[in-house]
Amino acid sequence: MGILRTIIWVLLTAVLVIFAMANWLAVTVTIWPGQVLDTKLPVLILASFLIGSVPMWIALRTTRWSLKRRLDASERQLADMRALANRPVEPAPVVTPASAPAPAPGTASPTLPLDIP
C-alpha cells in the first residue's frame, strides 16, 4: 500500500512540474483598484490552492483531535466499567434459623405458611 501511495505522489509531482515549466509566464493580477501584482502563473495557482485548502485542513485536524479525545475518554470509561464488572463479589452472609431473631409473640412467622381451615 505504501508503494502505491509513493507512486501516485511521484506521478502527481511530475505532472505539476511539467505544468509549471510549460506555463512559466508572467501574469498581471489586479488585487484592488490601483494594486497590481506581477507574478508567475504556477505561483499564482499554488497560492490559490493553499488559500483554499489550508483552512479546510485545519478544520479537519481540529475535528479529528476532538473526536480522538472523545474516543479516548469513552475507552477509559469502558475500561473502568469492565474493571468494576470483573471484581470479585463477596457472598451474602447466610442466616441460619438458630441465629434468626424470634418473631414477636402473637405474630405469624413470615417464612412459615399459615394454617387456614
Protein backbone atom coordinates (compact mmCIF):
# COMPACT_ATOMS: atom_id res chain seq x y z
CA MET A 1 0.00 0.00 0.00
CA GLY A 2 2.88 2.35 0.78
CA ILE A 3 4.49 1.74 -2.60
CA LEU A 4 1.24 2.57 -4.40
CA ARG A 5 0.90 5.82 -2.45
CA THR A 6 4.52 6.74 -3.27
CA ILE A 7 3.98 6.06 -6.98
CA ILE A 8 0.88 8.27 -7.01
CA TRP A 9 2.73 11.13 -5.27
CA VAL A 10 5.69 10.87 -7.67
CA LEU A 11 3.37 10.93 -10.71
CA LEU A 12 1.42 13.89 -9.32
CA THR A 13 4.64 15.79 -8.63
CA ALA A 14 5.93 15.08 -12.14
CA VAL A 15 2.68 16.33 -13.70
CA LEU A 16 2.81 19.51 -11.60
CA VAL A 17 6.45 20.19 -12.52
CA ILE A 18 5.73 19.69 -16.23
CA PHE A 19 2.71 22.00 -15.95
CA ALA A 20 4.77 24.66 -14.15
CA MET A 21 7.57 24.52 -16.75
CA ALA A 22 5.13 24.77 -19.66
CA ASN A 23 3.25 27.72 -18.13
CA TRP A 24 6.10 29.76 -16.66
CA LEU A 25 4.58 33.03 -17.87
CA ALA A 26 4.36 36.41 -16.20
CA VAL A 27 0.79 37.19 -15.17
CA THR A 28 -0.55 40.55 -14.02
CA VAL A 29 -3.13 40.28 -11.24
CA THR A 30 -5.18 43.26 -10.05
CA ILE A 31 -5.72 42.73 -6.34
CA TRP A 32 -7.52 46.04 -5.61
CA PRO A 33 -8.01 49.03 -7.83
CA GLY A 34 -4.58 50.59 -8.06
CA GLN A 35 -2.88 47.47 -6.62
CA VAL A 36 -1.28 45.35 -9.35
CA LEU A 37 0.83 42.22 -8.78
CA ASP A 38 3.12 40.69 -11.42
CA THR A 39 3.81 37.02 -10.71
CA LYS A 40 4.36 33.73 -12.48
CA LEU A 41 1.29 31.60 -13.29
CA PRO A 42 2.31 28.44 -11.32
CA VAL A 43 2.99 30.57 -8.22
CA LEU A 44 -0.49 32.11 -8.53
CA ILE A 45 -2.11 28.67 -8.91
CA LEU A 46 -0.20 27.29 -5.90
CA ALA A 47 -1.15 30.29 -3.76
CA SER A 48 -4.82 29.90 -4.74
CA PHE A 49 -4.72 26.21 -3.90
CA LEU A 50 -3.17 26.86 -0.48
CA ILE A 51 -5.64 29.64 0.33
CA GLY A 52 -8.48 27.22 -0.31
CA SER A 53 -7.07 24.07 1.24
CA VAL A 54 -5.29 25.23 4.40
CA PRO A 55 -8.45 26.34 6.27
CA MET A 56 -10.18 23.05 5.45
CA TRP A 57 -7.12 21.10 6.56
CA ILE A 58 -7.10 22.98 9.87
CA ALA A 59 -10.83 22.26 10.33
CA LEU A 60 -10.20 18.56 9.61
CA ARG A 61 -7.35 18.37 12.11
CA THR A 62 -9.36 20.06 14.88
CA THR A 63 -12.32 17.75 14.26
CA ARG A 64 -10.08 14.68 14.37
CA TRP A 65 -8.44 15.97 17.56
CA SER A 66 -11.76 16.49 19.34
CA LEU A 67 -13.12 13.12 18.19
CA LYS A 68 -9.93 11.38 19.34
CA ARG A 69 -10.29 12.99 22.77
CA ARG A 70 -13.91 11.80 23.00
CA LEU A 71 -12.93 8.29 21.90
CA ASP A 72 -10.11 8.12 24.46
CA ALA A 73 -12.48 9.24 27.22
CA SER A 74 -15.02 6.60 26.16
CA GLU A 75 -12.35 3.89 26.12
CA ARG A 76 -11.19 4.90 29.62
CA GLN A 77 -14.78 4.80 30.87
CA LEU A 78 -15.31 1.38 29.28
CA ALA A 79 -12.13 0.06 30.91
CA ASP A 80 -13.33 1.35 34.30
CA MET A 81 -16.72 -0.29 33.84
CA ARG A 82 -15.10 -3.60 32.84
CA ALA A 83 -12.89 -3.45 35.91
CA LEU A 84 -15.97 -2.92 38.09
CA ALA A 85 -17.81 -5.78 36.40
CA ASN A 86 -14.88 -8.20 36.83
CA ARG A 87 -14.21 -7.54 40.50
CA PRO A 88 -14.95 -10.43 42.86
CA VAL A 89 -18.30 -10.34 44.62
CA GLU A 90 -18.43 -11.15 48.32
CA PRO A 91 -21.11 -13.71 49.15
CA ALA A 92 -24.02 -12.54 51.29
CA PRO A 93 -23.97 -13.76 54.89
CA VAL A 94 -26.04 -16.92 55.40
CA VAL A 95 -28.77 -16.62 58.04
CA THR A 96 -29.47 -19.89 59.82
CA PRO A 97 -32.72 -20.50 61.72
CA ALA A 98 -30.81 -20.72 65.01
CA SER A 99 -29.35 -17.25 64.54
CA ALA A 100 -32.56 -15.72 63.18
CA PRO A 101 -34.38 -13.47 65.60
CA ALA A 102 -37.53 -14.95 67.10
CA PRO A 103 -40.81 -13.41 65.98
CA ALA A 104 -42.71 -11.33 68.44
CA PRO A 105 -45.38 -13.24 70.38
CA GLY A 106 -48.76 -13.23 68.68
CA THR A 107 -47.43 -12.65 65.17
CA ALA A 108 -47.05 -15.21 62.45
CA SER A 109 -43.64 -16.05 61.11
CA PRO A 110 -43.26 -14.62 57.58
CA THR A 111 -41.43 -17.71 56.40
CA LEU A 112 -43.92 -20.30 57.70
CA PRO A 113 -47.17 -21.00 55.86
CA LEU A 114 -50.37 -20.07 57.66
CA ASP A 115 -52.86 -22.78 58.56
CA ILE A 116 -56.17 -21.71 57.04
CA PRO A 117 -59.18 -24.09 57.53
